[in-house]
C-alpha atoms as a PDB file:
ATOM      1  CA  UNK A   1      -5.583 -16.012  21.512  1.00  0.00           C
ATOM      2  CA  UNK A   2      -7.993 -16.359  24.164  1.00  0.00           C
ATOM      3  CA  UNK A   3      -7.941 -19.048  26.633  1.00  0.00           C
ATOM      4  CA  UNK A   4      -5.187 -20.728  24.426  1.00  0.00           C
ATOM      5  CA  UNK A   5      -7.683 -21.296  21.770  1.00  0.00           C
ATOM      6  CA  UNK A   6      -7.088 -19.889  18.242  1.00  0.00           C
ATOM      7  CA  UNK A   7      -9.816 -18.580  16.465  1.00  0.00           C
ATOM      8  CA  UNK A   8     -10.170 -20.258  12.966  1.00  0.00           C
ATOM      9  CA  UNK A   9     -13.125 -18.451  11.483  1.00  0.00           C
ATOM     10  CA  UNK A  10     -11.296 -15.960   9.437  1.00  0.00           C
ATOM     11  CA  UNK A  11     -10.221 -16.521   5.906  1.00  0.00           C
ATOM     12  CA  UNK A  12      -8.085 -14.107   3.552  1.00  0.00           C
ATOM     13  CA  UNK A  13      -8.424 -13.894  -0.328  1.00  0.00           C
ATOM     14  CA  UNK A  14      -5.482 -12.170  -1.383  1.00  0.00           C
ATOM     15  CA  UNK A  15      -4.748 -10.187  -4.615  1.00  0.00           C
ATOM     16  CA  UNK A  16      -1.341 -10.375  -6.102  1.00  0.00           C
ATOM     17  CA  UNK A  17      -0.264  -7.686  -8.370  1.00  0.00           C
ATOM     18  CA  UNK A  18      -0.413  -4.353  -6.704  1.00  0.00           C
ATOM     19  CA  UNK A  19      -0.972  -6.043  -3.236  1.00  0.00           C
ATOM     20  CA  UNK A  20       1.801  -8.649  -3.009  1.00  0.00           C
ATOM     21  CA  UNK A  21       4.162  -6.934  -5.528  1.00  0.00           C
ATOM     22  CA  UNK A  22       4.448  -4.446  -8.668  1.00  0.00           C
ATOM     23  CA  UNK A  23       5.521  -6.571 -11.480  1.00  0.00           C
ATOM     24  CA  UNK A  24       9.190  -7.521 -10.292  1.00  0.00           C
ATOM     25  CA  UNK A  25       9.379  -5.452  -7.213  1.00  0.00           C
ATOM     26  CA  UNK A  26       8.022  -6.582  -3.902  1.00  0.00           C
ATOM     27  CA  UNK A  27       5.584  -4.404  -2.095  1.00  0.00           C
ATOM     28  CA  UNK A  28       6.930  -3.734   1.518  1.00  0.00           C
ATOM     29  CA  UNK A  29       5.345  -5.634   4.528  1.00  0.00           C
ATOM     30  CA  UNK A  30       3.793  -8.405   2.088  1.00  0.00           C
ATOM     31  CA  UNK A  31       6.108 -11.026   3.226  1.00  0.00           C
ATOM     32  CA  UNK A  32       5.572 -10.128   6.853  1.00  0.00           C
ATOM     33  CA  UNK A  33       1.842 -10.308   6.441  1.00  0.00           C
ATOM     34  CA  UNK A  34       2.054 -13.817   4.876  1.00  0.00           C
ATOM     35  CA  UNK A  35       4.450 -15.007   7.697  1.00  0.00           C
ATOM     36  CA  UNK A  36       1.766 -13.849  10.248  1.00  0.00           C
ATOM     37  CA  UNK A  37      -1.160 -15.479   8.870  1.00  0.00           C
ATOM     38  CA  UNK A  38       0.752 -18.488   8.720  1.00  0.00           C
ATOM     39  CA  UNK A  39       1.806 -18.303  12.350  1.00  0.00           C
ATOM     40  CA  UNK A  40      -1.926 -17.529  13.355  1.00  0.00           C
ATOM     41  CA  UNK A  41      -3.309 -20.526  11.315  1.00  0.00           C
ATOM     42  CA  UNK A  42      -5.508 -18.386   9.278  1.00  0.00           C
ATOM     43  CA  UNK A  43      -6.110 -19.953   5.762  1.00  0.00           C
ATOM     44  CA  UNK A  44      -5.612 -17.772   2.827  1.00  0.00           C
ATOM     45  CA  UNK A  45      -5.453 -17.846  -0.998  1.00  0.00           C
ATOM     46  CA  UNK A  46      -4.040 -15.779  -3.566  1.00  0.00           C
ATOM     47  CA  UNK A  47      -6.586 -15.169  -5.984  1.00  0.00           C
ATOM     48  CA  UNK A  48      -5.194 -13.569  -9.554  1.00  0.00           C
ATOM     49  CA  UNK A  49      -6.842 -12.592 -12.760  1.00  0.00           C
ATOM     50  CA  UNK A  50      -3.711 -13.663 -14.361  1.00  0.00           C
ATOM     51  CA  UNK A  51      -4.553 -16.413 -16.770  1.00  0.00           C
ATOM     52  CA  UNK A  52      -1.158 -16.880 -18.559  1.00  0.00           C
ATOM     53  CA  UNK A  53       0.910 -18.242 -15.551  1.00  0.00           C
ATOM     54  CA  UNK A  54       0.235 -21.659 -14.099  1.00  0.00           C
ATOM     55  CA  UNK A  55      -0.114 -21.778 -10.146  1.00  0.00           C
ATOM     56  CA  UNK A  56       3.323 -23.363  -9.871  1.00  0.00           C
ATOM     57  CA  UNK A  57       5.059 -20.319 -11.857  1.00  0.00           C
ATOM     58  CA  UNK A  58       2.738 -17.881  -9.769  1.00  0.00           C
ATOM     59  CA  UNK A  59       4.304 -19.579  -6.392  1.00  0.00           C
ATOM     60  CA  UNK A  60       7.718 -19.333  -7.753  1.00  0.00           C
ATOM     61  CA  UNK A  61       7.243 -15.762  -8.663  1.00  0.00           C
ATOM     62  CA  UNK A  62       6.120 -15.143  -5.060  1.00  0.00           C
ATOM     63  CA  UNK A  63       9.049 -17.175  -3.498  1.00  0.00           C
ATOM     64  CA  UNK A  64      11.502 -14.809  -5.357  1.00  0.00           C
ATOM     65  CA  UNK A  65      10.118 -11.979  -3.090  1.00  0.00           C
ATOM     66  CA  UNK A  66      10.404 -14.086  -0.036  1.00  0.00           C
ATOM     67  CA  UNK A  67       6.788 -14.812   0.219  1.00  0.00           C
ATOM     68  CA  UNK A  68       6.133 -18.322   1.311  1.00  0.00           C
ATOM     69  CA  UNK A  69       3.886 -20.056  -1.398  1.00  0.00           C
ATOM     70  CA  UNK A  70       3.232 -23.196  -3.260  1.00  0.00           C
ATOM     71  CA  UNK A  71       0.847 -24.105  -5.955  1.00  0.00           C
ATOM     72  CA  UNK A  72      -1.973 -24.868  -3.660  1.00  0.00           C
ATOM     73  CA  UNK A  73      -2.152 -21.436  -2.465  1.00  0.00           C
ATOM     74  CA  UNK A  74      -2.924 -19.968  -5.791  1.00  0.00           C
ATOM     75  CA  UNK A  75      -6.115 -19.485  -7.705  1.00  0.00           C
ATOM     76  CA  UNK A  76      -5.943 -18.146 -11.198  1.00  0.00           C
ATOM     77  CA  UNK A  77      -8.953 -16.941 -13.541  1.00  0.00           C
ATOM     78  CA  UNK A  78      -7.889 -19.778 -15.685  1.00  0.00           C
ATOM     79  CA  UNK A  79      -8.445 -22.571 -13.147  1.00  0.00           C
ATOM     80  CA  UNK A  80     -11.747 -20.645 -12.118  1.00  0.00           C
ATOM     81  CA  UNK A  81     -12.781 -20.786 -15.853  1.00  0.00           C
ATOM     82  CA  UNK A  82     -11.850 -24.630 -15.910  1.00  0.00           C
ATOM     83  CA  UNK A  83     -13.575 -25.480 -13.069  1.00  0.00           C
ATOM     84  CA  UNK A  84     -16.999 -23.530 -14.305  1.00  0.00           C
ATOM     85  CA  UNK A  85     -16.601 -25.298 -17.671  1.00  0.00           C
ATOM     86  CA  UNK A  86     -16.334 -28.574 -16.242  1.00  0.00           C
ATOM     87  CA  UNK A  87     -19.232 -28.469 -13.837  1.00  0.00           C
ATOM     88  CA  UNK A  88     -21.511 -27.023 -16.779  1.00  0.00           C
ATOM     89  CA  UNK A  89     -20.175 -28.318 -20.018  1.00  0.00           C
ATOM     90  CA  UNK A  90     -17.803 -30.803 -19.465  1.00  0.00           C
ATOM     91  CA  UNK A  91     -19.122 -32.988 -22.649  1.00  0.00           C
ATOM     92  CA  UNK A  92     -18.518 -30.123 -25.029  1.00  0.00           C
ATOM     93  CA  UNK A  93     -15.429 -29.595 -27.133  1.00  0.00           C
ATOM     94  CA  UNK A  94     -13.950 -26.267 -26.394  1.00  0.00           C
ATOM     95  CA  UNK A  95     -12.145 -23.873 -28.280  1.00  0.00           C
ATOM     96  CA  UNK A  96      -9.341 -22.240 -26.375  1.00  0.00           C
ATOM     97  CA  UNK A  97      -7.701 -18.714 -27.144  1.00  0.00           C
ATOM     98  CA  UNK A  98      -5.277 -18.263 -24.533  1.00  0.00           C
ATOM     99  CA  UNK A  99      -1.490 -19.256 -23.285  1.00  0.00           C
ATOM    100  CA  UNK A 100      -0.066 -22.069 -21.329  1.00  0.00           C
ATOM    101  CA  UNK A 101      -1.791 -21.394 -18.038  1.00  0.00           C
ATOM    102  CA  UNK A 102      -5.083 -21.526 -19.331  1.00  0.00           C
ATOM    103  CA  UNK A 103      -4.194 -24.723 -21.360  1.00  0.00           C
ATOM    104  CA  UNK A 104      -3.024 -26.487 -18.326  1.00  0.00           C
ATOM    105  CA  UNK A 105      -5.903 -25.551 -16.455  1.00  0.00           C
ATOM    106  CA  UNK A 106      -8.288 -27.109 -19.001  1.00  0.00           C
ATOM    107  CA  UNK A 107      -6.110 -30.329 -19.032  1.00  0.00           C
ATOM    108  CA  UNK A 108      -5.919 -30.598 -15.283  1.00  0.00           C
ATOM    109  CA  UNK A 109      -9.695 -31.078 -15.025  1.00  0.00           C
ATOM    110  CA  UNK A 110      -9.725 -33.360 -18.214  1.00  0.00           C
ATOM    111  CA  UNK A 111     -11.652 -30.877 -20.652  1.00  0.00           C
ATOM    112  CA  UNK A 112     -11.228 -31.966 -24.405  1.00  0.00           C
ATOM    113  CA  UNK A 113      -9.952 -28.571 -26.082  1.00  0.00           C
ATOM    114  CA  UNK A 114      -8.274 -27.254 -29.254  1.00  0.00           C
ATOM    115  CA  UNK A 115      -6.611 -24.010 -30.130  1.00  0.00           C
ATOM    116  CA  UNK A 116      -6.530 -24.649 -33.835  1.00  0.00           C
ATOM    117  CA  UNK A 117      -8.917 -22.175 -35.673  1.00  0.00           C
ATOM    118  CA  UNK A 118      -9.261 -24.492 -38.766  1.00  0.00           C
ATOM    119  CA  UNK A 119     -10.674 -27.104 -36.429  1.00  0.00           C
ATOM    120  CA  UNK A 120     -13.643 -25.389 -35.396  1.00  0.00           C
ATOM    121  CA  UNK A 121     -15.000 -25.317 -38.964  1.00  0.00           C
ATOM    122  CA  UNK A 122     -17.365 -28.283 -39.079  1.00  0.00           C
ATOM    123  CA  UNK A 123     -16.783 -29.093 -35.716  1.00  0.00           C
ATOM    124  CA  UNK A 124     -19.346 -29.277 -32.778  1.00  0.00           C
ATOM    125  CA  UNK A 125     -17.685 -26.531 -30.722  1.00  0.00           C
ATOM    126  CA  UNK A 126     -19.829 -25.882 -27.455  1.00  0.00           C
ATOM    127  CA  UNK A 127     -17.473 -23.356 -25.656  1.00  0.00           C
ATOM    128  CA  UNK A 128     -15.323 -20.518 -26.612  1.00  0.00           C
ATOM    129  CA  UNK A 129     -12.927 -19.822 -23.629  1.00  0.00           C
ATOM    130  CA  UNK A 130     -10.645 -16.767 -23.948  1.00  0.00           C
ATOM    131  CA  UNK A 131      -7.682 -15.397 -21.804  1.00  0.00           C
ATOM    132  CA  UNK A 132      -4.914 -13.387 -22.564  1.00  0.00           C
ATOM    133  CA  UNK A 133      -3.156 -14.559 -25.936  1.00  0.00           C
ATOM    134  CA  UNK A 134      -0.389 -12.505 -27.011  1.00  0.00           C
ATOM    135  CA  UNK A 135      -0.073 -14.380 -30.261  1.00  0.00           C
ATOM    136  CA  UNK A 136      -3.674 -14.041 -31.058  1.00  0.00           C
ATOM    137  CA  UNK A 137      -4.619 -14.085 -34.872  1.00  0.00           C
ATOM    138  CA  UNK A 138      -7.340 -12.792 -37.007  1.00  0.00           C
ATOM    139  CA  UNK A 139      -8.119 -16.598 -37.769  1.00  0.00           C
ATOM    140  CA  UNK A 140      -8.521 -17.320 -34.038  1.00  0.00           C
ATOM    141  CA  UNK A 141     -10.926 -14.361 -33.348  1.00  0.00           C
ATOM    142  CA  UNK A 142     -13.061 -15.080 -36.532  1.00  0.00           C
ATOM    143  CA  UNK A 143     -13.332 -18.745 -35.416  1.00  0.00           C
ATOM    144  CA  UNK A 144     -14.295 -17.816 -32.045  1.00  0.00           C
ATOM    145  CA  UNK A 145     -16.872 -15.029 -32.991  1.00  0.00           C
ATOM    146  CA  UNK A 146     -18.574 -17.678 -35.728  1.00  0.00           C
ATOM    147  CA  UNK A 147     -18.664 -20.455 -33.041  1.00  0.00           C
ATOM    148  CA  UNK A 148     -20.396 -17.989 -30.518  1.00  0.00           C
ATOM    149  CA  UNK A 149     -22.962 -17.014 -32.971  1.00  0.00           C
ATOM    150  CA  UNK A 150     -23.580 -20.547 -33.837  1.00  0.00           C
ATOM    151  CA  UNK A 151     -24.541 -21.094 -30.165  1.00  0.00           C
ATOM    152  CA  UNK A 152     -21.267 -21.887 -28.384  1.00  0.00           C
ATOM    153  CA  UNK A 153     -21.078 -20.450 -24.844  1.00  0.00           C
ATOM    154  CA  UNK A 154     -18.639 -17.634 -24.667  1.00  0.00           C
ATOM    155  CA  UNK A 155     -16.517 -17.492 -21.431  1.00  0.00           C
ATOM    156  CA  UNK A 156     -13.593 -14.801 -20.722  1.00  0.00           C
ATOM    157  CA  UNK A 157     -11.145 -15.548 -18.121  1.00  0.00           C
ATOM    158  CA  UNK A 158     -10.791 -12.034 -16.865  1.00  0.00           C
ATOM    159  CA  UNK A 159     -12.071  -8.503 -18.292  1.00  0.00           C
ATOM    160  CA  UNK A 160      -8.945  -6.479 -17.726  1.00  0.00           C
ATOM    161  CA  UNK A 161      -8.516  -4.257 -20.862  1.00  0.00           C
ATOM    162  CA  UNK A 162      -4.976  -3.385 -19.935  1.00  0.00           C
ATOM    163  CA  UNK A 163      -1.964  -4.884 -18.088  1.00  0.00           C
ATOM    164  CA  UNK A 164       1.142  -3.149 -16.695  1.00  0.00           C
ATOM    165  CA  UNK A 165       4.132  -3.805 -19.214  1.00  0.00           C
ATOM    166  CA  UNK A 166       7.563  -2.620 -19.556  1.00  0.00           C
ATOM    167  CA  UNK A 167       6.086  -0.166 -22.445  1.00  0.00           C
ATOM    168  CA  UNK A 168       3.432   1.257 -19.871  1.00  0.00           C
ATOM    169  CA  UNK A 169       0.141  -0.533 -20.390  1.00  0.00           C
ATOM    170  CA  UNK A 170      -0.453  -3.446 -22.945  1.00  0.00           C
ATOM    171  CA  UNK A 171      -3.855  -4.627 -24.164  1.00  0.00           C
ATOM    172  CA  UNK A 172      -5.301  -7.323 -21.753  1.00  0.00           C
ATOM    173  CA  UNK A 173      -7.701 -10.143 -22.234  1.00  0.00           C
ATOM    174  CA  UNK A 174     -10.603  -7.887 -22.057  1.00  0.00           C
ATOM    175  CA  UNK A 175      -9.319  -6.288 -25.132  1.00  0.00           C
ATOM    176  CA  UNK A 176      -9.392  -9.333 -27.059  1.00  0.00           C
ATOM    177  CA  UNK A 177     -12.643 -10.313 -25.649  1.00  0.00           C
ATOM    178  CA  UNK A 178     -14.202  -7.066 -26.491  1.00  0.00           C
ATOM    179  CA  UNK A 179     -13.276  -8.034 -30.184  1.00  0.00           C
ATOM    180  CA  UNK A 180     -15.084 -11.477 -30.028  1.00  0.00           C
ATOM    181  CA  UNK A 181     -18.142  -9.727 -28.173  1.00  0.00           C
ATOM    182  CA  UNK A 182     -18.442  -7.190 -31.026  1.00  0.00           C
ATOM    183  CA  UNK A 183     -18.348  -9.605 -33.659  1.00  0.00           C
ATOM    184  CA  UNK A 184     -20.610 -12.153 -32.170  1.00  0.00           C
ATOM    185  CA  UNK A 185     -23.071 -10.101 -30.654  1.00  0.00           C
ATOM    186  CA  UNK A 186     -22.815 -11.988 -27.394  1.00  0.00           C
ATOM    187  CA  UNK A 187     -21.846 -10.767 -24.179  1.00  0.00           C
ATOM    188  CA  UNK A 188     -19.440 -13.348 -22.450  1.00  0.00           C
ATOM    189  CA  UNK A 189     -19.687 -15.051 -19.013  1.00  0.00           C
ATOM    190  CA  UNK A 190     -16.828 -13.327 -16.900  1.00  0.00           C
ATOM    191  CA  UNK A 191     -15.113 -15.600 -14.743  1.00  0.00           C
ATOM    192  CA  UNK A 192     -12.417 -13.022 -13.056  1.00  0.00           C
ATOM    193  CA  UNK A 193     -12.452 -10.168 -10.906  1.00  0.00           C
ATOM    194  CA  UNK A 194     -15.053  -8.383 -10.405  1.00  0.00           C
ATOM    195  CA  UNK A 195     -17.166 -11.261 -11.097  1.00  0.00           C
ATOM    196  CA  UNK A 196     -17.974 -13.293  -8.100  1.00  0.00           C
ATOM    197  CA  UNK A 197     -17.769 -16.601  -9.750  1.00  0.00           C
ATOM    198  CA  UNK A 198     -13.837 -16.548  -9.373  1.00  0.00           C
ATOM    199  CA  UNK A 199     -14.536 -15.594  -5.409  1.00  0.00           C
ATOM    200  CA  UNK A 200     -17.246 -18.431  -4.975  1.00  0.00           C
ATOM    201  CA  UNK A 201     -14.636 -20.892  -6.394  1.00  0.00           C
ATOM    202  CA  UNK A 202     -11.919 -19.496  -3.867  1.00  0.00           C
ATOM    203  CA  UNK A 203     -14.221 -19.750  -1.042  1.00  0.00           C
ATOM    204  CA  UNK A 204     -14.929 -23.194  -2.158  1.00  0.00           C
ATOM    205  CA  UNK A 205     -11.094 -24.017  -2.221  1.00  0.00           C
ATOM    206  CA  UNK A 206     -10.974 -22.851   1.365  1.00  0.00           C
ATOM    207  CA  UNK A 207     -13.943 -24.166   2.811  1.00  0.00           C
ATOM    208  CA  UNK A 208     -15.255 -21.157   3.962  1.00  0.00           C
ATOM    209  CA  UNK A 209     -18.505 -18.754   3.465  1.00  0.00           C
ATOM    210  CA  UNK A 210     -18.652 -15.218   2.560  1.00  0.00           C
ATOM    211  CA  UNK A 211     -19.510 -14.236   6.178  1.00  0.00           C
ATOM    212  CA  UNK A 212     -15.880 -15.329   7.481  1.00  0.00           C
ATOM    213  CA  UNK A 213     -13.841 -14.337   4.369  1.00  0.00           C
ATOM    214  CA  UNK A 214     -11.985 -11.159   3.734  1.00  0.00           C
ATOM    215  CA  UNK A 215     -10.815  -9.665   0.324  1.00  0.00           C
ATOM    216  CA  UNK A 216      -7.542  -7.766   0.174  1.00  0.00           C
ATOM    217  CA  UNK A 217      -6.523  -5.793  -2.658  1.00  0.00           C
ATOM    218  CA  UNK A 218      -5.516  -2.568  -4.149  1.00  0.00           C
ATOM    219  CA  UNK A 219      -7.986  -2.229  -7.077  1.00  0.00           C
ATOM    220  CA  UNK A 220     -11.516  -0.893  -6.348  1.00  0.00           C
ATOM    221  CA  UNK A 221     -12.688  -2.086  -9.954  1.00  0.00           C
ATOM    222  CA  UNK A 222     -11.699  -5.608  -9.496  1.00  0.00           C
ATOM    223  CA  UNK A 223     -10.519  -6.850  -6.265  1.00  0.00           C
ATOM    224  CA  UNK A 224     -13.054  -4.835  -3.846  1.00  0.00           C
ATOM    225  CA  UNK A 225     -15.958  -5.025  -6.147  1.00  0.00           C
ATOM    226  CA  UNK A 226     -15.367  -8.855  -6.611  1.00  0.00           C
ATOM    227  CA  UNK A 227     -15.370  -9.123  -2.939  1.00  0.00           C
ATOM    228  CA  UNK A 228     -18.876  -6.934  -2.585  1.00  0.00           C
ATOM    229  CA  UNK A 229     -20.336  -8.924  -5.360  1.00  0.00           C
ATOM    230  CA  UNK A 230     -19.597 -12.103  -3.568  1.00  0.00           C
ATOM    231  CA  UNK A 231     -20.694 -10.683  -0.254  1.00  0.00           C
ATOM    232  CA  UNK A 232     -17.335 -10.897   1.599  1.00  0.00           C
ATOM    233  CA  UNK A 233     -15.818  -8.050   3.590  1.00  0.00           C
ATOM    234  CA  UNK A 234     -13.207  -6.086   2.039  1.00  0.00           C
ATOM    235  CA  UNK A 235     -10.002  -4.528   2.896  1.00  0.00           C
ATOM    236  CA  UNK A 236      -8.500  -2.038   0.256  1.00  0.00           C
ATOM    237  CA  UNK A 237      -4.694  -1.242   0.221  1.00  0.00           C
ATOM    238  CA  UNK A 238      -3.123   1.817  -0.954  1.00  0.00           C
ATOM    239  CA  UNK A 239      -0.423  -0.097  -2.466  1.00  0.00           C
ATOM    240  CA  UNK A 240      -1.313  -0.201  -6.101  1.00  0.00           C
ATOM    241  CA  UNK A 241      -4.063   1.177  -8.274  1.00  0.00           C
ATOM    242  CA  UNK A 242      -6.318   2.982  -5.846  1.00  0.00           C
ATOM    243  CA  UNK A 243      -4.691   5.748  -3.800  1.00  0.00           C
ATOM    244  CA  UNK A 244      -6.110   8.497  -1.657  1.00  0.00           C
ATOM    245  CA  UNK A 245      -5.990  10.905  -4.432  1.00  0.00           C
ATOM    246  CA  UNK A 246      -8.538   8.855  -6.379  1.00  0.00           C
ATOM    247  CA  UNK A 247     -10.367   6.665  -3.763  1.00  0.00           C
ATOM    248  CA  UNK A 248     -13.549   8.781  -4.035  1.00  0.00           C
ATOM    249  CA  UNK A 249     -13.534   8.785  -7.738  1.00  0.00           C
ATOM    250  CA  UNK A 250     -13.213   4.997  -7.724  1.00  0.00           C
ATOM    251  CA  UNK A 251     -15.767   4.157  -5.106  1.00  0.00           C
ATOM    252  CA  UNK A 252     -18.267   6.065  -7.429  1.00  0.00           C
ATOM    253  CA  UNK A 253     -17.138   3.977 -10.334  1.00  0.00           C
ATOM    254  CA  UNK A 254     -17.430   0.962  -8.522  1.00  0.00           C
ATOM    255  CA  UNK A 255     -20.611   1.895  -6.742  1.00  0.00           C
ATOM    256  CA  UNK A 256     -19.350   0.315  -3.511  1.00  0.00           C
ATOM    257  CA  UNK A 257     -17.051   1.216  -0.908  1.00  0.00           C
ATOM    258  CA  UNK A 258     -14.324  -0.955   0.992  1.00  0.00           C
ATOM    259  CA  UNK A 259     -15.019  -2.159   4.722  1.00  0.00           C
ATOM    260  CA  UNK A 260     -11.638  -1.405   5.704  1.00  0.00           C
ATOM    261  CA  UNK A 261      -8.899   0.877   4.204  1.00  0.00           C
ATOM    262  CA  UNK A 262      -5.360   0.373   4.804  1.00  0.00           C
ATOM    263  CA  UNK A 263      -2.314   2.624   3.810  1.00  0.00           C
ATOM    264  CA  UNK A 264       0.158  -0.507   3.600  1.00  0.00           C
ATOM    265  CA  UNK A 265       0.815  -4.131   4.144  1.00  0.00           C
ATOM    266  CA  UNK A 266       1.850  -3.529   7.979  1.00  0.00           C
ATOM    267  CA  UNK A 267      -1.547  -2.188   8.830  1.00  0.00           C
ATOM    268  CA  UNK A 268      -3.184  -4.967   7.335  1.00  0.00           C
ATOM    269  CA  UNK A 269      -0.992  -7.273   9.372  1.00  0.00           C
ATOM    270  CA  UNK A 270      -1.639  -5.560  12.760  1.00  0.00           C
ATOM    271  CA  UNK A 271      -5.430  -5.681  12.170  1.00  0.00           C
ATOM    272  CA  UNK A 272      -5.188  -9.315  11.760  1.00  0.00           C
ATOM    273  CA  UNK A 273      -3.329  -9.716  14.881  1.00  0.00           C
ATOM    274  CA  UNK A 274      -5.882  -7.644  16.901  1.00  0.00           C
ATOM    275  CA  UNK A 275      -9.043  -9.299  14.948  1.00  0.00           C
ATOM    276  CA  UNK A 276      -7.693 -12.730  15.930  1.00  0.00           C
ATOM    277  CA  UNK A 277      -7.196 -11.678  19.862  1.00  0.00           C
END
């Protein structure tokens, strides 16, 4: 602090998997970073591409690692997708392919939706929104593709084609999205990272602009690229996908470089402490 006045023009948009934790294991120093942000009154929001969990479930998961969190601290790609639909297509029937997190997000903003493939035929479906659905069927893919070909807006919660699992990697929401795109010939509106749409929604919720927001994450292709697309400063952490060994290749693939690079969460914490002096 300077002259007893705490600066309040810094906001943090923080990734989860690979930044706060790895699956069921916490990342060292993540809890201390959040404690420091809270003690310094630095507003932050956890921003995740996960569309299957509700914000409450995400908060509970963080709490298990000793990380202070409530539902209001979380923005999922499902919530951002629901907000996007509400603003633009609130009067349209939505065909939903996804799990409970996406269902709840649609319900929370009052969107009329169905997940029954047979209801698409003969109905005036105006939007197809799709996230990860581990029980997806051919009938759902067929109904979604046909609805999109007939003019329904195609929306994808997040483009991740793979996600970590106990078996190594499993197909993600982007894999299902690729099937619908191939069958419909229509490229979907992507909501989650690296799209700026989810970042814009996060900044709206925090009440900040890109000029005073910093995106923190481990993945050049999602977190850092999303931050750059939204005009935010970016901080890469070598705690997950991106490492010193693959950094240059990921930068080349992403077409951007982070504004800052940190080896661990303690370095991130110390940066905030220095920045806010």
